[in-house]
Amino acid sequence: MNNDLVIRQATLDDIDDLAAMFNEYRQFYRQPDNLEQSKTFLQQRLEAEESIAFIASHQQQPSGFVHLYPTYSSVHLKKIWILNDLYVRSTARRKGVGFGLLDAAKTMAKETGALCLKASSAQNNFTSQQVYEAKGYQRDRQFFHYVLPLMH
C-alpha cells in the first residue's frame, strides 16, 4: 500500500473531517450544502452503531471515506454489508484511495462473517463502475432491484 495513505475505521473523533467529506459527497449528488445536517446524521449513525465508516488520509490530509450499513440475508442466514457511500476528494483521485477504502470494507466484511458486500452505482457513473469491477464486484444479473419512492 502507498506509504502516504492511511485508512482506518472512523470514530466520533473524526466526525468533523468525515462530515465535511460527506457534505461534499452529497453535493455531488445534487443535494444542498448542509454541513451541520451531515454531521448530525453521521454522528447519530456512529453513536447508535448503525453504520461503519472508514476514513482515508493521503499525505496526512482527509481524502475519502466509505460508509457501510449492515443488513441480512434471510435465505443464507448471514450478514450483508451495503456499501452505501464511497467518496474520494478530487485532489486524491488516482492515488489508490478508493481501492484502499474498498479493501478496508472487504476486510471488515470478511471479519464479520458477511456473505457479501453490495454496492450500487448510477447507470451513467462509469468511473465508479470501473473501480468496483476492478476490485472484483460483479453486476447482479440474477435479480432486478425495485424502489418504492415515499418522498418527492
N, C-alpha and C. Protein backbone atom coordinates (compact mmCIF):
# COMPACT_ATOMS: atom_id res chain seq x y z
N MET A 1 0.85 -1.18 0.00
CA MET A 1 0.00 0.00 0.00
C MET A 1 0.89 1.24 0.00
N ASN A 2 0.40 2.28 -0.55
CA ASN A 2 1.07 3.57 -0.61
C ASN A 2 1.38 4.06 0.81
N ASN A 3 2.64 4.39 1.09
CA ASN A 3 3.03 4.85 2.42
C ASN A 3 2.40 6.18 2.80
N ASP A 4 1.95 6.95 1.83
CA ASP A 4 1.30 8.22 2.09
C ASP A 4 -0.18 8.06 2.39
N LEU A 5 -0.68 6.82 2.35
CA LEU A 5 -2.10 6.54 2.52
C LEU A 5 -2.33 5.80 3.82
N VAL A 6 -3.23 6.33 4.65
CA VAL A 6 -3.62 5.70 5.90
C VAL A 6 -5.14 5.55 5.89
N ILE A 7 -5.60 4.33 6.14
CA ILE A 7 -7.04 4.07 6.20
C ILE A 7 -7.34 3.39 7.52
N ARG A 8 -8.35 3.91 8.20
CA ARG A 8 -8.75 3.33 9.48
C ARG A 8 -10.24 3.54 9.70
N GLN A 9 -10.78 2.74 10.63
CA GLN A 9 -12.19 2.90 10.94
C GLN A 9 -12.40 4.25 11.62
N ALA A 10 -13.40 4.96 11.16
CA ALA A 10 -13.69 6.29 11.70
C ALA A 10 -14.35 6.16 13.07
N THR A 11 -14.04 7.11 13.93
CA THR A 11 -14.66 7.22 15.25
C THR A 11 -15.31 8.59 15.35
N LEU A 12 -15.95 8.83 16.47
CA LEU A 12 -16.56 10.15 16.67
C LEU A 12 -15.52 11.26 16.68
N ASP A 13 -14.27 10.94 16.97
CA ASP A 13 -13.20 11.94 16.91
C ASP A 13 -12.96 12.43 15.48
N ASP A 14 -13.40 11.65 14.49
CA ASP A 14 -13.21 12.01 13.08
C ASP A 14 -14.42 12.73 12.49
N ILE A 15 -15.41 13.02 13.31
CA ILE A 15 -16.70 13.47 12.78
C ILE A 15 -16.59 14.74 11.95
N ASP A 16 -15.73 15.67 12.32
CA ASP A 16 -15.63 16.93 11.56
C ASP A 16 -15.09 16.67 10.15
N ASP A 17 -14.00 15.91 10.05
CA ASP A 17 -13.43 15.59 8.74
C ASP A 17 -14.40 14.73 7.93
N LEU A 18 -15.00 13.75 8.58
CA LEU A 18 -15.93 12.86 7.89
C LEU A 18 -17.15 13.63 7.39
N ALA A 19 -17.69 14.50 8.22
CA ALA A 19 -18.87 15.27 7.83
C ALA A 19 -18.57 16.22 6.68
N ALA A 20 -17.40 16.82 6.67
CA ALA A 20 -17.03 17.72 5.57
C ALA A 20 -17.02 16.97 4.24
N MET A 21 -16.42 15.78 4.25
CA MET A 21 -16.38 14.98 3.01
C MET A 21 -17.76 14.45 2.66
N PHE A 22 -18.54 14.06 3.66
CA PHE A 22 -19.89 13.57 3.43
C PHE A 22 -20.75 14.67 2.81
N ASN A 23 -20.58 15.88 3.27
CA ASN A 23 -21.30 17.03 2.71
C ASN A 23 -20.92 17.24 1.25
N GLU A 24 -19.62 17.14 0.93
CA GLU A 24 -19.16 17.24 -0.46
C GLU A 24 -19.77 16.13 -1.30
N TYR A 25 -19.77 14.93 -0.76
CA TYR A 25 -20.34 13.76 -1.45
C TYR A 25 -21.82 14.00 -1.77
N ARG A 26 -22.57 14.50 -0.81
CA ARG A 26 -24.00 14.76 -1.02
C ARG A 26 -24.20 15.84 -2.09
N GLN A 27 -23.34 16.84 -2.12
CA GLN A 27 -23.45 17.88 -3.12
C GLN A 27 -23.18 17.32 -4.52
N PHE A 28 -22.28 16.34 -4.60
CA PHE A 28 -22.02 15.66 -5.87
C PHE A 28 -23.33 15.06 -6.41
N TYR A 29 -24.17 14.58 -5.50
CA TYR A 29 -25.47 14.02 -5.87
C TYR A 29 -26.59 15.06 -5.83
N ARG A 30 -26.20 16.31 -6.00
CA ARG A 30 -27.12 17.45 -6.16
C ARG A 30 -28.01 17.69 -4.94
N GLN A 31 -27.45 17.44 -3.78
CA GLN A 31 -28.15 17.78 -2.54
C GLN A 31 -27.60 19.11 -2.04
N PRO A 32 -28.41 19.86 -1.31
CA PRO A 32 -27.95 21.18 -0.86
C PRO A 32 -26.80 21.06 0.16
N ASP A 33 -25.95 22.05 0.13
CA ASP A 33 -24.85 22.17 1.09
C ASP A 33 -25.45 22.29 2.49
N ASN A 34 -25.14 21.33 3.37
CA ASN A 34 -25.64 21.39 4.73
C ASN A 34 -24.68 20.61 5.63
N LEU A 35 -23.61 21.26 6.02
CA LEU A 35 -22.58 20.62 6.81
C LEU A 35 -23.11 20.17 8.17
N GLU A 36 -23.90 21.01 8.81
CA GLU A 36 -24.39 20.66 10.15
C GLU A 36 -25.31 19.44 10.11
N GLN A 37 -26.18 19.39 9.12
CA GLN A 37 -27.07 18.23 8.99
C GLN A 37 -26.28 16.97 8.65
N SER A 38 -25.26 17.10 7.84
CA SER A 38 -24.39 15.97 7.51
C SER A 38 -23.70 15.45 8.76
N LYS A 39 -23.21 16.36 9.56
CA LYS A 39 -22.53 15.99 10.80
C LYS A 39 -23.48 15.28 11.76
N THR A 40 -24.67 15.83 11.93
CA THR A 40 -25.66 15.23 12.82
C THR A 40 -26.04 13.83 12.35
N PHE A 41 -26.28 13.68 11.06
CA PHE A 41 -26.66 12.38 10.51
C PHE A 41 -25.58 11.34 10.80
N LEU A 42 -24.33 11.67 10.48
CA LEU A 42 -23.24 10.71 10.69
C LEU A 42 -23.02 10.42 12.17
N GLN A 43 -23.09 11.44 12.99
CA GLN A 43 -22.90 11.25 14.42
C GLN A 43 -23.96 10.31 14.98
N GLN A 44 -25.21 10.48 14.55
CA GLN A 44 -26.28 9.59 15.01
C GLN A 44 -26.04 8.15 14.58
N ARG A 45 -25.60 7.95 13.34
CA ARG A 45 -25.35 6.59 12.85
C ARG A 45 -24.22 5.92 13.64
N LEU A 46 -23.13 6.67 13.86
CA LEU A 46 -21.97 6.10 14.55
C LEU A 46 -22.27 5.86 16.03
N GLU A 47 -22.94 6.81 16.67
CA GLU A 47 -23.26 6.63 18.09
C GLU A 47 -24.18 5.43 18.32
N ALA A 48 -25.13 5.23 17.43
CA ALA A 48 -26.08 4.13 17.56
C ALA A 48 -25.53 2.81 17.00
N GLU A 49 -24.31 2.87 16.49
CA GLU A 49 -23.67 1.70 15.87
C GLU A 49 -24.54 1.11 14.76
N GLU A 50 -25.16 2.02 13.99
CA GLU A 50 -25.99 1.62 12.85
C GLU A 50 -25.20 1.54 11.55
N SER A 51 -23.99 2.05 11.57
CA SER A 51 -23.16 2.02 10.38
C SER A 51 -21.69 2.02 10.79
N ILE A 52 -20.85 1.71 9.81
CA ILE A 52 -19.40 1.77 9.99
C ILE A 52 -18.85 2.60 8.85
N ALA A 53 -17.89 3.44 9.19
CA ALA A 53 -17.22 4.24 8.16
C ALA A 53 -15.72 4.04 8.30
N PHE A 54 -15.05 4.08 7.17
CA PHE A 54 -13.59 4.11 7.14
C PHE A 54 -13.20 5.43 6.51
N ILE A 55 -12.15 6.03 7.06
CA ILE A 55 -11.69 7.31 6.57
C ILE A 55 -10.27 7.14 6.05
N ALA A 56 -9.98 7.78 4.94
CA ALA A 56 -8.65 7.71 4.33
C ALA A 56 -7.98 9.07 4.43
N SER A 57 -6.69 9.01 4.73
CA SER A 57 -5.86 10.22 4.69
C SER A 57 -4.73 9.95 3.72
N HIS A 58 -4.54 10.87 2.81
CA HIS A 58 -3.44 10.79 1.86
C HIS A 58 -2.55 11.98 2.13
N GLN A 59 -1.28 11.72 2.36
CA GLN A 59 -0.32 12.76 2.74
C GLN A 59 -0.85 13.59 3.91
N GLN A 60 -1.40 12.89 4.88
CA GLN A 60 -1.91 13.44 6.14
C GLN A 60 -3.10 14.37 5.97
N GLN A 61 -3.78 14.30 4.82
CA GLN A 61 -4.97 15.10 4.57
C GLN A 61 -6.18 14.18 4.42
N PRO A 62 -7.33 14.50 5.06
CA PRO A 62 -8.53 13.69 4.86
C PRO A 62 -8.87 13.65 3.37
N SER A 63 -8.96 12.44 2.82
CA SER A 63 -9.04 12.31 1.37
C SER A 63 -10.22 11.52 0.86
N GLY A 64 -10.87 10.75 1.73
CA GLY A 64 -12.01 9.97 1.27
C GLY A 64 -12.59 9.14 2.39
N PHE A 65 -13.72 8.53 2.10
CA PHE A 65 -14.37 7.67 3.08
C PHE A 65 -15.23 6.63 2.37
N VAL A 66 -15.53 5.58 3.10
CA VAL A 66 -16.52 4.60 2.68
C VAL A 66 -17.45 4.42 3.87
N HIS A 67 -18.75 4.31 3.61
CA HIS A 67 -19.77 4.24 4.65
C HIS A 67 -20.63 3.03 4.37
N LEU A 68 -20.76 2.14 5.36
CA LEU A 68 -21.42 0.85 5.18
C LEU A 68 -22.52 0.64 6.22
N TYR A 69 -23.58 -0.01 5.78
CA TYR A 69 -24.71 -0.36 6.65
C TYR A 69 -24.90 -1.87 6.65
N PRO A 70 -25.21 -2.45 7.81
CA PRO A 70 -25.47 -3.89 7.84
C PRO A 70 -26.92 -4.20 7.47
N THR A 71 -27.09 -5.32 6.83
CA THR A 71 -28.40 -5.92 6.62
C THR A 71 -28.17 -7.42 6.64
N TYR A 72 -29.20 -8.19 6.33
CA TYR A 72 -29.07 -9.63 6.47
C TYR A 72 -29.74 -10.36 5.32
N SER A 73 -29.23 -11.55 5.04
CA SER A 73 -29.86 -12.45 4.08
C SER A 73 -30.64 -13.49 4.87
N SER A 74 -31.95 -13.48 4.72
CA SER A 74 -32.79 -14.48 5.38
C SER A 74 -32.54 -15.87 4.80
N VAL A 75 -32.33 -15.94 3.51
CA VAL A 75 -32.11 -17.22 2.85
C VAL A 75 -30.81 -17.86 3.32
N HIS A 76 -29.75 -17.07 3.41
CA HIS A 76 -28.43 -17.61 3.76
C HIS A 76 -28.10 -17.49 5.25
N LEU A 77 -28.99 -16.81 6.00
CA LEU A 77 -28.79 -16.64 7.44
C LEU A 77 -27.44 -15.98 7.74
N LYS A 78 -27.11 -14.96 6.96
CA LYS A 78 -25.82 -14.28 7.07
C LYS A 78 -26.00 -12.77 6.99
N LYS A 79 -25.01 -12.08 7.50
CA LYS A 79 -24.95 -10.63 7.39
C LYS A 79 -24.52 -10.24 5.98
N ILE A 80 -25.02 -9.12 5.51
CA ILE A 80 -24.60 -8.49 4.25
C ILE A 80 -24.27 -7.05 4.60
N TRP A 81 -23.20 -6.54 4.03
CA TRP A 81 -22.86 -5.13 4.21
C TRP A 81 -23.22 -4.38 2.94
N ILE A 82 -23.95 -3.29 3.11
CA ILE A 82 -24.29 -2.41 1.98
C ILE A 82 -23.27 -1.27 1.97
N LEU A 83 -22.50 -1.25 0.92
CA LEU A 83 -21.54 -0.17 0.71
C LEU A 83 -22.34 0.98 0.12
N ASN A 84 -22.81 1.85 1.00
CA ASN A 84 -23.76 2.87 0.59
C ASN A 84 -23.09 4.10 0.00
N ASP A 85 -21.94 4.47 0.56
CA ASP A 85 -21.29 5.71 0.15
C ASP A 85 -19.79 5.48 0.01
N LEU A 86 -19.25 5.88 -1.12
CA LEU A 86 -17.81 5.86 -1.35
C LEU A 86 -17.45 7.20 -1.99
N TYR A 87 -16.50 7.89 -1.38
CA TYR A 87 -16.14 9.21 -1.89
C TYR A 87 -14.64 9.42 -1.75
N VAL A 88 -14.04 9.95 -2.80
CA VAL A 88 -12.63 10.34 -2.79
C VAL A 88 -12.57 11.77 -3.30
N ARG A 89 -11.93 12.63 -2.52
CA ARG A 89 -11.78 14.02 -2.95
C ARG A 89 -10.99 14.08 -4.25
N SER A 90 -11.31 15.06 -5.08
CA SER A 90 -10.69 15.17 -6.40
C SER A 90 -9.16 15.25 -6.31
N THR A 91 -8.64 15.86 -5.25
CA THR A 91 -7.18 16.00 -5.10
C THR A 91 -6.49 14.68 -4.81
N ALA A 92 -7.26 13.66 -4.42
CA ALA A 92 -6.67 12.37 -4.04
C ALA A 92 -7.02 11.25 -5.02
N ARG A 93 -7.71 11.58 -6.08
CA ARG A 93 -8.11 10.54 -7.03
C ARG A 93 -6.91 10.02 -7.79
N ARG A 94 -6.99 8.74 -8.17
CA ARG A 94 -5.94 8.04 -8.91
C ARG A 94 -4.66 7.88 -8.08
N LYS A 95 -4.84 7.83 -6.75
CA LYS A 95 -3.70 7.66 -5.85
C LYS A 95 -3.90 6.45 -4.95
N GLY A 96 -4.88 5.60 -5.30
CA GLY A 96 -5.10 4.37 -4.53
C GLY A 96 -6.07 4.52 -3.37
N VAL A 97 -6.63 5.70 -3.18
CA VAL A 97 -7.52 5.94 -2.04
C VAL A 97 -8.80 5.11 -2.16
N GLY A 98 -9.44 5.15 -3.31
CA GLY A 98 -10.68 4.39 -3.50
C GLY A 98 -10.44 2.90 -3.34
N PHE A 99 -9.39 2.38 -3.95
CA PHE A 99 -9.06 0.96 -3.83
C PHE A 99 -8.78 0.61 -2.38
N GLY A 100 -8.06 1.48 -1.68
CA GLY A 100 -7.75 1.23 -0.28
C GLY A 100 -9.00 1.18 0.59
N LEU A 101 -9.93 2.08 0.33
CA LEU A 101 -11.18 2.09 1.08
C LEU A 101 -11.99 0.82 0.79
N LEU A 102 -12.03 0.41 -0.46
CA LEU A 102 -12.75 -0.83 -0.80
C LEU A 102 -12.08 -2.05 -0.15
N ASP A 103 -10.77 -2.05 -0.08
CA ASP A 103 -10.06 -3.15 0.58
C ASP A 103 -10.39 -3.19 2.07
N ALA A 104 -10.45 -2.02 2.71
CA ALA A 104 -10.80 -1.96 4.14
C ALA A 104 -12.21 -2.48 4.37
N ALA A 105 -13.13 -2.11 3.49
CA ALA A 105 -14.51 -2.59 3.61
C ALA A 105 -14.57 -4.11 3.45
N LYS A 106 -13.83 -4.63 2.49
CA LYS A 106 -13.81 -6.08 2.26
C LYS A 106 -13.24 -6.83 3.46
N THR A 107 -12.15 -6.33 4.00
CA THR A 107 -11.54 -6.96 5.18
C THR A 107 -12.53 -6.99 6.34
N MET A 108 -13.18 -5.86 6.62
CA MET A 108 -14.16 -5.78 7.70
C MET A 108 -15.31 -6.75 7.46
N ALA A 109 -15.80 -6.81 6.22
CA ALA A 109 -16.92 -7.71 5.91
C ALA A 109 -16.53 -9.17 6.14
N LYS A 110 -15.34 -9.54 5.73
CA LYS A 110 -14.87 -10.90 5.97
C LYS A 110 -14.75 -11.19 7.47
N GLU A 111 -14.20 -10.24 8.20
CA GLU A 111 -14.01 -10.41 9.64
C GLU A 111 -15.33 -10.55 10.39
N THR A 112 -16.40 -10.00 9.85
CA THR A 112 -17.71 -10.09 10.49
C THR A 112 -18.53 -11.26 9.95
N GLY A 113 -17.91 -12.09 9.12
CA GLY A 113 -18.59 -13.28 8.61
C GLY A 113 -19.68 -12.99 7.59
N ALA A 114 -19.56 -11.87 6.91
CA ALA A 114 -20.60 -11.47 5.96
C ALA A 114 -20.61 -12.36 4.73
N LEU A 115 -21.79 -12.50 4.16
CA LEU A 115 -21.99 -13.23 2.91
C LEU A 115 -21.38 -12.46 1.74
N CYS A 116 -21.59 -11.15 1.73
CA CYS A 116 -21.10 -10.33 0.62
C CYS A 116 -21.17 -8.86 0.97
N LEU A 117 -20.60 -8.08 0.11
CA LEU A 117 -20.75 -6.62 0.10
C LEU A 117 -21.60 -6.27 -1.11
N LYS A 118 -22.53 -5.34 -0.94
CA LYS A 118 -23.34 -4.87 -2.05
C LYS A 118 -23.09 -3.39 -2.26
N ALA A 119 -22.95 -3.01 -3.51
CA ALA A 119 -22.77 -1.60 -3.86
C ALA A 119 -23.65 -1.30 -5.06
N SER A 120 -24.01 -0.06 -5.20
CA SER A 120 -24.76 0.34 -6.39
C SER A 120 -24.10 1.57 -6.99
N SER A 121 -24.39 1.79 -8.24
CA SER A 121 -23.79 2.90 -8.97
C SER A 121 -24.84 3.45 -9.93
N ALA A 122 -24.81 4.74 -10.10
CA ALA A 122 -25.67 5.34 -11.12
C ALA A 122 -25.30 4.72 -12.47
N GLN A 123 -26.27 4.52 -13.31
CA GLN A 123 -26.03 3.86 -14.60
C GLN A 123 -25.03 4.62 -15.46
N ASN A 124 -24.93 5.92 -15.25
CA ASN A 124 -24.01 6.72 -16.06
C ASN A 124 -22.70 7.03 -15.33
N ASN A 125 -22.48 6.45 -14.15
CA ASN A 125 -21.24 6.69 -13.41
C ASN A 125 -20.25 5.58 -13.76
N PHE A 126 -19.68 5.72 -14.93
CA PHE A 126 -18.79 4.68 -15.46
C PHE A 126 -17.50 4.57 -14.64
N THR A 127 -17.05 5.68 -14.06
CA THR A 127 -15.84 5.65 -13.26
C THR A 127 -16.03 4.73 -12.06
N SER A 128 -17.13 4.90 -11.32
CA SER A 128 -17.34 4.05 -10.15
C SER A 128 -17.54 2.60 -10.57
N GLN A 129 -18.21 2.38 -11.68
CA GLN A 129 -18.40 1.00 -12.15
C GLN A 129 -17.06 0.34 -12.45
N GLN A 130 -16.15 1.07 -13.06
CA GLN A 130 -14.82 0.52 -13.35
C GLN A 130 -14.05 0.22 -12.08
N VAL A 131 -14.18 1.09 -11.08
CA VAL A 131 -13.49 0.87 -9.81
C VAL A 131 -14.03 -0.39 -9.15
N TYR A 132 -15.35 -0.51 -9.05
CA TYR A 132 -15.94 -1.70 -8.43
C TYR A 132 -15.53 -2.97 -9.17
N GLU A 133 -15.63 -2.94 -10.47
CA GLU A 133 -15.31 -4.13 -11.26
C GLU A 133 -13.82 -4.48 -11.15
N ALA A 134 -12.96 -3.48 -11.06
CA ALA A 134 -11.53 -3.74 -10.90
C ALA A 134 -11.23 -4.42 -9.57
N LYS A 135 -12.10 -4.23 -8.58
CA LYS A 135 -11.91 -4.84 -7.27
C LYS A 135 -12.72 -6.14 -7.12
N GLY A 136 -13.27 -6.65 -8.21
CA GLY A 136 -13.94 -7.94 -8.17
C GLY A 136 -15.44 -7.92 -7.96
N TYR A 137 -16.05 -6.75 -7.86
CA TYR A 137 -17.50 -6.67 -7.73
C TYR A 137 -18.13 -7.11 -9.06
N GLN A 138 -19.24 -7.82 -8.96
CA GLN A 138 -19.92 -8.31 -10.15
C GLN A 138 -21.31 -7.70 -10.24
N ARG A 139 -21.68 -7.33 -11.44
CA ARG A 139 -23.01 -6.79 -11.66
C ARG A 139 -24.04 -7.89 -11.44
N ASP A 140 -25.08 -7.58 -10.68
CA ASP A 140 -26.14 -8.55 -10.39
C ASP A 140 -26.97 -8.78 -11.65
N ARG A 141 -26.94 -10.00 -12.13
CA ARG A 141 -27.72 -10.34 -13.33
C ARG A 141 -28.86 -11.29 -12.98
N GLN A 142 -28.96 -11.63 -11.68
CA GLN A 142 -29.98 -12.58 -11.25
C GLN A 142 -31.27 -11.88 -10.80
N PHE A 143 -31.13 -10.69 -10.19
CA PHE A 143 -32.29 -10.02 -9.61
C PHE A 143 -32.43 -8.61 -10.18
N PHE A 144 -33.67 -8.18 -10.33
CA PHE A 144 -33.97 -6.78 -10.56
C PHE A 144 -34.19 -6.16 -9.19
N HIS A 145 -33.78 -4.94 -9.01
CA HIS A 145 -33.97 -4.24 -7.75
C HIS A 145 -34.99 -3.14 -7.99
N TYR A 146 -35.95 -3.05 -7.09
CA TYR A 146 -37.02 -2.08 -7.20
C TYR A 146 -36.97 -1.10 -6.04
N VAL A 147 -37.48 0.10 -6.30
CA VAL A 147 -37.55 1.15 -5.29
C VAL A 147 -38.96 1.68 -5.28
N LEU A 148 -39.51 1.85 -4.09
CA LEU A 148 -40.81 2.49 -3.91
C LEU A 148 -40.58 3.86 -3.30
N PRO A 149 -40.62 4.92 -4.12
CA PRO A 149 -40.38 6.26 -3.57
C PRO A 149 -41.48 6.65 -2.58
N LEU A 150 -41.05 7.19 -1.45
CA LEU A 150 -42.00 7.63 -0.43
C LEU A 150 -41.95 9.13 -0.22
N MET A 151 -40.91 9.77 -0.73
CA MET A 151 -40.76 11.23 -0.61
C MET A 151 -40.47 11.80 -1.99
N HIS A 152 -40.93 13.00 -2.22
CA HIS A 152 -40.68 13.64 -3.53
C HIS A 152 -39.56 14.62 -3.44
